[in-house]
Amino acid sequence: MLIRIIYMNFLKKLIANNTGISSKNFFLVIVTFIGCLLLLVPVFALSIEVFFTHTIASSLEGFAAYIGAVASLFATAGLTKAWSEKYEHKITEEKFEEFKREEDEEVINEE
């Protein structure tokens, strides 16, 4: 139960950004997770083959193409996220300080 809570908090922190929960971040995290699982397929396939036949008879070019396809999946998700973040409203340090000053002045004026 505790591990599940820690995992959910970790996942929440991964998909959150300065404007709340981001679907782009969620997509990037899920693509990364699925991509890592997909990269385990050739590892298990080669391990099973070596265990039973004590040699590698498979074409490694096919594995290279598969790994390249998964890498392109990572690149596509990363570029999509980077491109969309380029146009997202960012709070600069100066704007943040100005906002905090205005907020502090409002609190002082209310007192």
N, C-alpha and C. Protein backbone atom coordinates (compact mmCIF):
# COMPACT_ATOMS: atom_id res chain seq x y z
N MET A 1 0.82 -1.19 0.00
CA MET A 1 0.00 0.00 0.00
C MET A 1 0.88 1.26 0.00
N LEU A 2 1.92 1.27 0.84
CA LEU A 2 2.80 2.42 0.92
C LEU A 2 3.54 2.63 -0.40
N ILE A 3 3.95 1.53 -1.03
CA ILE A 3 4.66 1.63 -2.31
C ILE A 3 3.74 2.23 -3.36
N ARG A 4 2.48 1.85 -3.32
CA ARG A 4 1.52 2.38 -4.30
C ARG A 4 1.34 3.89 -4.11
N ILE A 5 1.27 4.33 -2.88
CA ILE A 5 1.12 5.76 -2.60
C ILE A 5 2.36 6.52 -3.07
N ILE A 6 3.53 5.98 -2.77
CA ILE A 6 4.78 6.62 -3.20
C ILE A 6 4.84 6.67 -4.72
N TYR A 7 4.46 5.57 -5.38
CA TYR A 7 4.47 5.51 -6.84
C TYR A 7 3.51 6.54 -7.43
N MET A 8 2.32 6.67 -6.87
CA MET A 8 1.34 7.63 -7.40
C MET A 8 1.83 9.06 -7.19
N ASN A 9 2.44 9.35 -6.05
CA ASN A 9 2.98 10.70 -5.83
C ASN A 9 4.11 10.99 -6.81
N PHE A 10 4.96 9.99 -7.07
CA PHE A 10 6.05 10.15 -8.02
C PHE A 10 5.49 10.40 -9.42
N LEU A 11 4.47 9.64 -9.81
CA LEU A 11 3.85 9.83 -11.12
C LEU A 11 3.19 11.20 -11.22
N LYS A 12 2.55 11.64 -10.15
CA LYS A 12 1.93 12.96 -10.14
C LYS A 12 2.96 14.07 -10.33
N LYS A 13 4.11 13.92 -9.67
CA LYS A 13 5.17 14.92 -9.80
C LYS A 13 5.76 14.91 -11.21
N LEU A 14 5.81 13.74 -11.84
CA LEU A 14 6.35 13.66 -13.19
C LEU A 14 5.46 14.36 -14.21
N ILE A 15 4.15 14.28 -14.03
CA ILE A 15 3.25 14.84 -15.04
C ILE A 15 2.79 16.25 -14.71
N ALA A 16 3.22 16.80 -13.58
CA ALA A 16 2.84 18.16 -13.22
C ALA A 16 3.83 19.16 -13.79
N ASN A 17 3.32 20.33 -14.11
CA ASN A 17 4.18 21.45 -14.51
C ASN A 17 3.69 22.71 -13.81
N ASN A 18 4.16 23.88 -14.20
CA ASN A 18 3.81 25.09 -13.47
C ASN A 18 2.36 25.53 -13.66
N THR A 19 1.64 24.92 -14.58
CA THR A 19 0.24 25.27 -14.79
C THR A 19 -0.70 24.16 -14.35
N GLY A 20 -0.21 23.14 -13.70
CA GLY A 20 -1.05 22.03 -13.23
C GLY A 20 -0.60 20.72 -13.84
N ILE A 21 -1.55 19.83 -14.04
CA ILE A 21 -1.25 18.52 -14.62
C ILE A 21 -1.29 18.67 -16.13
N SER A 22 -0.24 18.19 -16.79
CA SER A 22 -0.11 18.37 -18.23
C SER A 22 -0.31 17.04 -18.95
N SER A 23 -1.16 17.05 -19.97
CA SER A 23 -1.37 15.84 -20.77
C SER A 23 -0.13 15.53 -21.60
N LYS A 24 0.63 16.57 -21.96
CA LYS A 24 1.87 16.35 -22.71
C LYS A 24 2.89 15.62 -21.85
N ASN A 25 2.99 16.01 -20.59
CA ASN A 25 3.90 15.31 -19.69
C ASN A 25 3.46 13.88 -19.48
N PHE A 26 2.14 13.68 -19.33
CA PHE A 26 1.61 12.33 -19.16
C PHE A 26 1.95 11.47 -20.37
N PHE A 27 1.76 12.02 -21.57
CA PHE A 27 2.06 11.30 -22.80
C PHE A 27 3.54 10.93 -22.86
N LEU A 28 4.41 11.86 -22.50
CA LEU A 28 5.84 11.60 -22.52
C LEU A 28 6.23 10.52 -21.52
N VAL A 29 5.65 10.54 -20.33
CA VAL A 29 5.96 9.52 -19.32
C VAL A 29 5.47 8.16 -19.77
N ILE A 30 4.27 8.09 -20.32
CA ILE A 30 3.72 6.80 -20.78
C ILE A 30 4.52 6.26 -21.96
N VAL A 31 4.90 7.11 -22.90
CA VAL A 31 5.71 6.67 -24.05
C VAL A 31 7.06 6.16 -23.57
N THR A 32 7.65 6.82 -22.60
CA THR A 32 8.93 6.38 -22.06
C THR A 32 8.79 5.01 -21.39
N PHE A 33 7.74 4.84 -20.61
CA PHE A 33 7.52 3.57 -19.93
C PHE A 33 7.29 2.44 -20.94
N ILE A 34 6.43 2.67 -21.92
CA ILE A 34 6.14 1.65 -22.93
C ILE A 34 7.38 1.37 -23.78
N GLY A 35 8.14 2.42 -24.12
CA GLY A 35 9.36 2.24 -24.89
C GLY A 35 10.38 1.38 -24.16
N CYS A 36 10.50 1.59 -22.86
CA CYS A 36 11.43 0.76 -22.08
C CYS A 36 10.98 -0.69 -22.07
N LEU A 37 9.68 -0.92 -21.96
CA LEU A 37 9.17 -2.29 -22.04
C LEU A 37 9.43 -2.90 -23.41
N LEU A 38 9.25 -2.10 -24.46
CA LEU A 38 9.51 -2.60 -25.81
C LEU A 38 10.98 -2.93 -26.03
N LEU A 39 11.87 -2.18 -25.38
CA LEU A 39 13.30 -2.46 -25.52
C LEU A 39 13.72 -3.73 -24.78
N LEU A 40 12.89 -4.18 -23.86
CA LEU A 40 13.20 -5.42 -23.16
C LEU A 40 12.91 -6.66 -24.02
N VAL A 41 12.08 -6.51 -25.06
CA VAL A 41 11.74 -7.64 -25.92
C VAL A 41 12.97 -8.25 -26.58
N PRO A 42 13.85 -7.48 -27.26
CA PRO A 42 15.03 -8.11 -27.84
C PRO A 42 15.98 -8.70 -26.80
N VAL A 43 16.03 -8.09 -25.63
CA VAL A 43 16.89 -8.62 -24.57
C VAL A 43 16.43 -10.02 -24.19
N PHE A 44 15.12 -10.18 -23.97
CA PHE A 44 14.60 -11.50 -23.61
C PHE A 44 14.72 -12.48 -24.77
N ALA A 45 14.46 -12.01 -25.99
CA ALA A 45 14.56 -12.90 -27.15
C ALA A 45 15.98 -13.43 -27.32
N LEU A 46 16.96 -12.55 -27.23
CA LEU A 46 18.35 -13.00 -27.36
C LEU A 46 18.78 -13.87 -26.18
N SER A 47 18.30 -13.53 -24.99
CA SER A 47 18.65 -14.34 -23.82
C SER A 47 18.10 -15.75 -23.93
N ILE A 48 16.87 -15.88 -24.37
CA ILE A 48 16.26 -17.20 -24.54
C ILE A 48 17.00 -18.00 -25.61
N GLU A 49 17.31 -17.32 -26.71
CA GLU A 49 18.03 -18.00 -27.79
C GLU A 49 19.40 -18.49 -27.34
N VAL A 50 20.14 -17.65 -26.63
CA VAL A 50 21.47 -18.04 -26.16
C VAL A 50 21.36 -19.15 -25.12
N PHE A 51 20.35 -19.09 -24.28
CA PHE A 51 20.20 -20.11 -23.23
C PHE A 51 19.93 -21.50 -23.84
N PHE A 52 19.08 -21.55 -24.86
CA PHE A 52 18.70 -22.85 -25.42
C PHE A 52 19.65 -23.35 -26.51
N THR A 53 20.16 -22.46 -27.36
CA THR A 53 21.01 -22.91 -28.47
C THR A 53 22.49 -22.64 -28.25
N HIS A 54 22.82 -21.88 -27.24
CA HIS A 54 24.21 -21.51 -26.91
C HIS A 54 24.90 -20.74 -28.04
N THR A 55 24.12 -20.12 -28.89
CA THR A 55 24.65 -19.27 -29.95
C THR A 55 23.55 -18.31 -30.40
N ILE A 56 23.94 -17.32 -31.18
CA ILE A 56 22.95 -16.38 -31.74
C ILE A 56 22.85 -16.65 -33.23
N ALA A 57 21.71 -17.19 -33.64
CA ALA A 57 21.48 -17.48 -35.05
C ALA A 57 20.53 -16.45 -35.68
N SER A 58 19.92 -15.61 -34.86
CA SER A 58 18.98 -14.61 -35.37
C SER A 58 19.71 -13.52 -36.14
N SER A 59 18.97 -12.88 -37.03
CA SER A 59 19.51 -11.75 -37.75
C SER A 59 19.52 -10.53 -36.83
N LEU A 60 20.68 -10.01 -36.56
CA LEU A 60 20.78 -8.86 -35.67
C LEU A 60 20.36 -7.56 -36.35
N GLU A 61 20.26 -7.60 -37.69
CA GLU A 61 19.79 -6.41 -38.42
C GLU A 61 18.33 -6.12 -38.08
N GLY A 62 17.55 -7.18 -37.90
CA GLY A 62 16.15 -7.00 -37.51
C GLY A 62 16.04 -6.37 -36.13
N PHE A 63 16.89 -6.83 -35.21
CA PHE A 63 16.89 -6.24 -33.87
C PHE A 63 17.32 -4.77 -33.93
N ALA A 64 18.28 -4.46 -34.78
CA ALA A 64 18.74 -3.07 -34.92
C ALA A 64 17.62 -2.18 -35.46
N ALA A 65 16.87 -2.69 -36.43
CA ALA A 65 15.75 -1.92 -36.97
C ALA A 65 14.67 -1.72 -35.91
N TYR A 66 14.41 -2.75 -35.11
CA TYR A 66 13.42 -2.66 -34.04
C TYR A 66 13.84 -1.62 -33.01
N ILE A 67 15.11 -1.65 -32.60
CA ILE A 67 15.60 -0.69 -31.62
C ILE A 67 15.58 0.72 -32.19
N GLY A 68 15.88 0.86 -33.48
CA GLY A 68 15.79 2.17 -34.13
C GLY A 68 14.36 2.70 -34.15
N ALA A 69 13.39 1.81 -34.37
CA ALA A 69 11.98 2.23 -34.37
C ALA A 69 11.56 2.70 -32.98
N VAL A 70 11.98 1.98 -31.96
CA VAL A 70 11.64 2.40 -30.59
C VAL A 70 12.33 3.72 -30.25
N ALA A 71 13.56 3.89 -30.71
CA ALA A 71 14.27 5.15 -30.48
C ALA A 71 13.56 6.31 -31.17
N SER A 72 13.02 6.06 -32.35
CA SER A 72 12.27 7.13 -33.04
C SER A 72 10.99 7.47 -32.29
N LEU A 73 10.41 6.49 -31.60
CA LEU A 73 9.24 6.75 -30.76
C LEU A 73 9.62 7.70 -29.62
N PHE A 74 10.77 7.44 -28.97
CA PHE A 74 11.26 8.34 -27.93
C PHE A 74 11.51 9.75 -28.49
N ALA A 75 12.15 9.81 -29.64
CA ALA A 75 12.48 11.11 -30.24
C ALA A 75 11.22 11.88 -30.61
N THR A 76 10.24 11.20 -31.17
CA THR A 76 8.99 11.87 -31.55
C THR A 76 8.28 12.44 -30.34
N ALA A 77 8.19 11.65 -29.27
CA ALA A 77 7.52 12.13 -28.06
C ALA A 77 8.29 13.31 -27.45
N GLY A 78 9.61 13.21 -27.42
CA GLY A 78 10.41 14.30 -26.85
C GLY A 78 10.34 15.57 -27.67
N LEU A 79 10.40 15.44 -28.99
CA LEU A 79 10.31 16.64 -29.84
C LEU A 79 8.94 17.28 -29.76
N THR A 80 7.90 16.47 -29.68
CA THR A 80 6.54 17.01 -29.55
C THR A 80 6.43 17.82 -28.27
N LYS A 81 6.94 17.27 -27.17
CA LYS A 81 6.90 17.98 -25.89
C LYS A 81 7.73 19.26 -25.95
N ALA A 82 8.93 19.18 -26.50
CA ALA A 82 9.80 20.36 -26.57
C ALA A 82 9.18 21.44 -27.44
N TRP A 83 8.60 21.06 -28.56
CA TRP A 83 7.99 22.03 -29.47
C TRP A 83 6.79 22.71 -28.82
N SER A 84 5.97 21.95 -28.11
CA SER A 84 4.78 22.54 -27.48
C SER A 84 5.16 23.43 -26.30
N GLU A 85 6.21 23.08 -25.57
CA GLU A 85 6.65 23.90 -24.44
C GLU A 85 7.25 25.22 -24.91
N LYS A 86 7.70 25.27 -26.14
CA LYS A 86 8.31 26.48 -26.68
C LYS A 86 7.32 27.65 -26.65
N TYR A 87 6.05 27.36 -26.88
CA TYR A 87 5.05 28.41 -26.95
C TYR A 87 4.20 28.53 -25.68
N GLU A 88 4.51 27.74 -24.68
CA GLU A 88 3.75 27.82 -23.44
C GLU A 88 4.19 29.04 -22.64
N HIS A 89 3.25 29.65 -21.96
CA HIS A 89 3.53 30.85 -21.15
C HIS A 89 4.45 30.47 -19.99
N LYS A 90 5.57 31.11 -19.92
CA LYS A 90 6.54 30.85 -18.85
C LYS A 90 6.56 32.06 -17.91
N ILE A 91 6.70 31.77 -16.64
CA ILE A 91 6.84 32.83 -15.64
C ILE A 91 8.34 33.05 -15.42
N THR A 92 8.81 34.22 -15.78
CA THR A 92 10.22 34.53 -15.58
C THR A 92 10.45 34.91 -14.12
N GLU A 93 11.68 34.95 -13.73
CA GLU A 93 12.03 35.30 -12.35
C GLU A 93 11.57 36.71 -12.00
N GLU A 94 11.72 37.64 -12.95
CA GLU A 94 11.31 39.02 -12.70
C GLU A 94 9.80 39.12 -12.52
N LYS A 95 9.05 38.43 -13.37
CA LYS A 95 7.59 38.46 -13.24
C LYS A 95 7.14 37.82 -11.94
N PHE A 96 7.83 36.76 -11.54
CA PHE A 96 7.49 36.08 -10.29
C PHE A 96 7.73 37.01 -9.11
N GLU A 97 8.88 37.69 -9.11
CA GLU A 97 9.19 38.63 -8.02
C GLU A 97 8.16 39.77 -7.99
N GLU A 98 7.80 40.27 -9.17
CA GLU A 98 6.80 41.34 -9.25
C GLU A 98 5.45 40.86 -8.72
N PHE A 99 5.08 39.66 -9.07
CA PHE A 99 3.82 39.09 -8.60
C PHE A 99 3.83 38.94 -7.08
N LYS A 100 4.97 38.45 -6.52
CA LYS A 100 5.08 38.29 -5.07
C LYS A 100 4.99 39.63 -4.36
N ARG A 101 5.64 40.68 -4.93
CA ARG A 101 5.57 42.01 -4.33
C ARG A 101 4.14 42.52 -4.30
N GLU A 102 3.43 42.37 -5.42
CA GLU A 102 2.03 42.81 -5.49
C GLU A 102 1.18 42.05 -4.48
N GLU A 103 1.43 40.78 -4.36
CA GLU A 103 0.68 39.96 -3.42
C GLU A 103 0.97 40.40 -1.98
N ASP A 104 2.24 40.68 -1.67
CA ASP A 104 2.61 41.14 -0.33
C ASP A 104 1.99 42.50 -0.03
N GLU A 105 1.96 43.39 -1.03
CA GLU A 105 1.36 44.71 -0.83
C GLU A 105 -0.14 44.58 -0.56
N GLU A 106 -0.81 43.64 -1.24
CA GLU A 106 -2.24 43.44 -1.00
C GLU A 106 -2.48 42.95 0.42
N VAL A 107 -1.64 42.08 0.91
CA VAL A 107 -1.78 41.57 2.28
C VAL A 107 -1.56 42.71 3.28
N ILE A 108 -0.56 43.54 3.05
CA ILE A 108 -0.26 44.66 3.93
C ILE A 108 -1.41 45.66 3.91
N ASN A 109 -1.97 45.94 2.73
CA ASN A 109 -3.09 46.88 2.62
C ASN A 109 -4.35 46.36 3.29
N GLU A 110 -4.54 45.06 3.30
CA GLU A 110 -5.71 44.48 3.94
C GLU A 110 -5.62 44.61 5.44
N GLU A 111 -4.41 44.57 5.98
CA GLU A 111 -4.22 44.69 7.45
C GLU A 111 -4.44 46.12 7.85
